[in-house]
Protein backbone atom coordinates (compact mmCIF):
# COMPACT_ATOMS: atom_id res chain seq x y z
CA MET A 1 61.20 10.85 -8.11
CA SER A 2 64.64 12.00 -6.96
CA ARG A 3 65.75 11.70 -3.35
CA PHE A 4 66.37 15.46 -3.41
CA VAL A 5 62.72 16.23 -4.19
CA LEU A 6 61.50 13.87 -1.47
CA LYS A 7 63.55 15.66 1.19
CA ASP A 8 61.36 18.75 1.27
CA THR A 9 60.18 20.84 4.23
CA TYR A 10 57.57 18.36 5.50
CA PHE A 11 59.90 15.41 5.08
CA LYS A 12 62.50 17.16 7.25
CA LYS A 13 59.88 18.35 9.73
CA ALA A 14 58.57 14.78 10.15
CA LYS A 15 62.10 13.60 10.96
CA GLN A 16 62.56 16.41 13.49
CA ASP A 17 59.16 15.87 15.14
CA GLY A 18 59.51 12.09 15.34
CA TYR A 19 56.77 11.24 12.83
CA ARG A 20 57.32 8.30 10.51
CA ALA A 21 56.20 10.14 7.36
CA ARG A 22 55.17 13.56 6.07
CA SER A 23 51.56 12.33 5.84
CA ALA A 24 51.25 13.09 9.58
CA TYR A 25 50.91 16.77 8.67
CA LYS A 26 48.20 16.07 6.10
CA LEU A 27 46.08 14.48 8.81
CA LYS A 28 46.90 17.29 11.25
CA GLU A 29 45.69 19.87 8.68
CA ILE A 30 42.49 17.91 8.08
CA GLN A 31 41.91 17.66 11.83
CA THR A 32 42.51 21.41 12.35
CA LYS A 33 40.01 22.28 9.63
CA PHE A 34 37.29 19.66 10.22
CA HIS A 35 37.71 18.52 13.89
CA LEU A 36 36.77 15.03 12.81
CA VAL A 37 38.44 13.00 15.56
CA LYS A 38 37.58 13.57 19.22
CA LYS A 39 39.19 12.57 22.49
CA GLY A 40 38.02 9.07 23.44
CA ASP A 41 37.11 8.07 19.85
CA ARG A 42 37.68 4.63 18.39
CA VAL A 43 39.44 5.09 15.05
CA LEU A 44 40.24 2.65 12.26
CA ASP A 45 43.17 3.53 9.98
CA LEU A 46 43.27 1.62 6.67
CA GLY A 47 46.64 1.38 4.94
CA CYS A 48 48.40 2.40 8.15
CA ALA A 49 52.07 1.59 7.34
CA PRO A 50 54.51 3.11 8.17
CA GLY A 51 52.37 4.49 11.01
CA SER A 52 52.34 8.30 10.84
CA PHE A 53 48.52 8.52 10.87
CA LEU A 54 48.53 6.13 13.85
CA GLN A 55 50.92 8.46 15.70
CA VAL A 56 48.70 11.50 15.14
CA LEU A 57 45.46 9.64 15.92
CA SER A 58 46.94 8.21 19.11
CA GLU A 59 47.71 11.75 20.33
CA ILE A 60 44.19 13.00 19.52
CA VAL A 61 42.10 10.17 21.02
CA GLY A 62 44.21 9.96 24.17
CA SER A 63 44.20 7.18 26.74
CA GLU A 64 40.38 6.96 26.69
CA GLY A 65 40.33 6.20 22.96
CA SER A 66 41.77 3.50 20.73
CA VAL A 67 43.25 3.25 17.24
CA VAL A 68 43.33 0.13 15.09
CA GLY A 69 45.57 0.16 12.03
CA ILE A 70 45.47 -2.30 9.15
CA ASP A 71 47.97 -2.72 6.35
CA ILE A 72 49.07 -5.48 4.03
CA LEU A 73 52.64 -4.50 5.03
CA PRO A 74 53.84 -4.94 8.62
CA THR A 75 53.89 -1.75 10.69
CA ARG A 76 56.72 -1.33 13.17
CA PRO A 77 55.14 -1.35 16.66
CA LEU A 78 54.38 1.99 18.28
CA PRO A 79 55.00 2.65 21.98
CA SER A 80 51.46 4.03 22.47
CA LYS A 81 49.22 1.69 24.47
CA ASN A 82 46.09 2.87 22.66
CA VAL A 83 47.28 1.64 19.21
CA VAL A 84 47.06 -1.81 17.63
CA ALA A 85 48.51 -2.40 14.14
CA LEU A 86 47.37 -5.53 12.29
CA THR A 87 49.00 -7.01 9.19
CA ARG A 88 45.94 -7.88 7.09
CA ASN A 89 44.48 -7.28 3.65
CA ILE A 90 41.31 -5.17 3.76
CA LEU A 91 39.78 -7.73 1.38
CA ASP A 92 40.25 -10.59 3.89
CA PRO A 93 36.91 -12.40 4.43
CA GLY A 94 37.32 -12.50 8.23
CA LEU A 95 38.15 -8.81 8.58
CA GLU A 96 34.68 -7.61 9.61
CA GLU A 97 34.57 -10.07 12.51
CA LEU A 98 38.06 -9.04 13.61
CA LEU A 99 37.14 -5.35 13.55
CA THR A 100 33.94 -6.01 15.51
CA SER A 101 36.07 -7.53 18.27
CA HIS A 102 37.96 -4.21 18.53
CA ALA A 103 34.91 -1.93 18.24
CA PRO A 104 31.68 -3.86 18.95
CA HIS A 105 29.51 -0.77 18.32
CA GLY A 106 31.49 0.41 15.31
CA PHE A 107 34.32 2.90 14.87
CA ASP A 108 33.72 6.63 15.29
CA VAL A 109 36.07 7.54 12.44
CA VAL A 110 37.78 5.68 9.59
CA THR A 111 40.90 7.16 7.98
CA CYS A 112 42.44 5.81 4.79
CA ASP A 113 45.70 6.93 3.21
CA ILE A 114 46.00 4.00 0.79
CA ALA A 115 47.50 4.88 -2.57
CA PRO A 116 47.55 2.62 -5.63
CA ASN A 117 50.82 2.04 -7.44
CA LEU A 118 50.35 4.55 -10.24
CA SER A 119 51.61 3.32 -13.61
CA GLY A 120 51.04 6.44 -15.67
CA ILE A 121 48.59 4.48 -17.85
CA LYS A 122 45.32 6.32 -17.35
CA GLU A 123 42.89 3.39 -17.73
CA VAL A 124 44.96 1.17 -15.41
CA ASP A 125 45.37 3.88 -12.77
CA ASP A 126 41.66 4.80 -12.87
CA LYS A 127 40.72 1.15 -12.35
CA ASN A 128 43.16 0.81 -9.42
CA VAL A 129 41.76 3.94 -7.75
CA ARG A 130 38.22 2.59 -8.16
CA ASP A 131 39.13 -0.88 -6.89
CA ILE A 132 40.68 0.57 -3.74
CA TYR A 133 37.63 2.78 -3.21
CA ASP A 134 35.24 -0.18 -3.55
CA ALA A 135 37.24 -2.21 -1.00
CA VAL A 136 37.41 0.69 1.47
CA ARG A 137 33.71 1.44 1.03
CA GLN A 138 32.87 -2.13 2.06
CA VAL A 139 34.84 -1.75 5.29
CA VAL A 140 33.31 1.67 5.99
CA ALA A 141 29.76 0.41 5.39
CA ALA A 142 30.30 -2.50 7.79
CA SER A 143 32.52 -0.97 10.49
CA LEU A 144 31.78 2.76 10.77
CA ARG A 145 28.99 3.65 13.18
CA ARG A 146 26.06 5.83 12.21
CA GLU A 147 27.00 9.56 12.29
CA GLY A 148 30.68 8.53 12.03
CA GLY A 149 33.26 10.26 9.84
CA LEU A 150 35.68 9.29 7.09
CA VAL A 151 38.97 10.68 5.73
CA LEU A 152 39.79 9.05 2.40
CA LYS A 153 42.70 9.73 0.07
CA SER A 154 41.85 9.72 -3.62
CA PHE A 155 43.27 11.08 -6.86
CA PHE A 156 42.02 13.25 -9.69
CA SER A 157 40.74 10.68 -12.17
CA GLU A 158 37.71 9.75 -14.25
CA ASN A 159 36.27 8.16 -11.10
CA LEU A 160 36.43 11.24 -8.89
CA LYS A 161 32.90 12.51 -9.54
CA GLY A 162 31.43 9.02 -9.26
CA ILE A 163 33.20 8.41 -5.94
CA GLN A 164 32.09 11.80 -4.64
CA ASN A 165 28.46 11.12 -5.60
CA ASP A 166 28.59 7.68 -3.99
CA LEU A 167 29.99 9.16 -0.77
CA LYS A 168 27.16 11.72 -0.77
CA ARG A 169 24.72 8.82 -0.65
CA LEU A 170 26.55 7.42 2.37
CA PHE A 171 27.30 10.67 4.30
CA LYS A 172 25.47 13.90 5.10
CA THR A 173 28.39 16.14 4.08
CA VAL A 174 31.30 15.40 1.75
CA SER A 175 34.18 17.88 1.25
CA ILE A 176 37.26 17.71 -0.96
CA PHE A 177 40.44 19.01 0.65
CA LYS A 178 44.07 19.20 -0.53
CA PRO A 179 46.41 19.74 2.43
CA ALA A 180 49.41 22.05 2.06
CA ALA A 181 51.55 19.08 3.12
CA SER A 182 50.61 17.28 -0.12
CA ARG A 183 53.20 17.75 -2.82
CA SER A 184 52.06 20.34 -5.35
CA VAL A 185 52.87 17.93 -8.19
CA SER A 186 50.67 15.20 -6.69
CA SER A 187 47.10 14.71 -7.91
CA GLU A 188 46.06 13.42 -4.47
CA ILE A 189 43.10 14.93 -2.63
CA TYR A 190 41.20 13.87 0.48
CA PHE A 191 37.49 13.33 0.86
CA VAL A 192 36.39 14.41 4.34
CA CYS A 193 32.97 12.95 5.08
CA LEU A 194 30.79 13.66 8.11
CA GLY A 195 27.60 12.09 9.42
CA LYS A 196 27.31 8.54 8.08
CA LYS A 197 23.67 7.94 7.21
């Protein structure tokens, strides 16, 4: 994708507002519509680099809350005292224990903006989307408290209906939302899930 296309309205706005990426506005839109995250919440952000979700979540939860970010890539430290960013793979065997040390009673909300490297080969891309979902689901099942919420990026693919049905088994309500801040050419959508069973 050309540099020109990338420098759209939200890209410029993120630079002006001090956010690390345009994805900050996607989360802000989701929050405005669904009011998922509350002041004082403990939030886990999967795939947190470069840190724009962390910035938004830090503002919402305030000094009473806490945000833990995890990414396989290092995330440049944020000045906010209520944010911790860990360089880990979500498939790491010791991850559950580590997360329990940060939120002994479970997280109130999990957000996930992980995207697979799309190849353009349908079968490969569908498998990558499903593999990421399966890994994230494991973390959510173990670390999200009962009645907690989830924001999960996904893509239009063969797996979409299966993922949606699986999430309906795990949560009381499951909505599909495409923020205005998503590029119109992108097939990305977000599952917004409330009330973990």
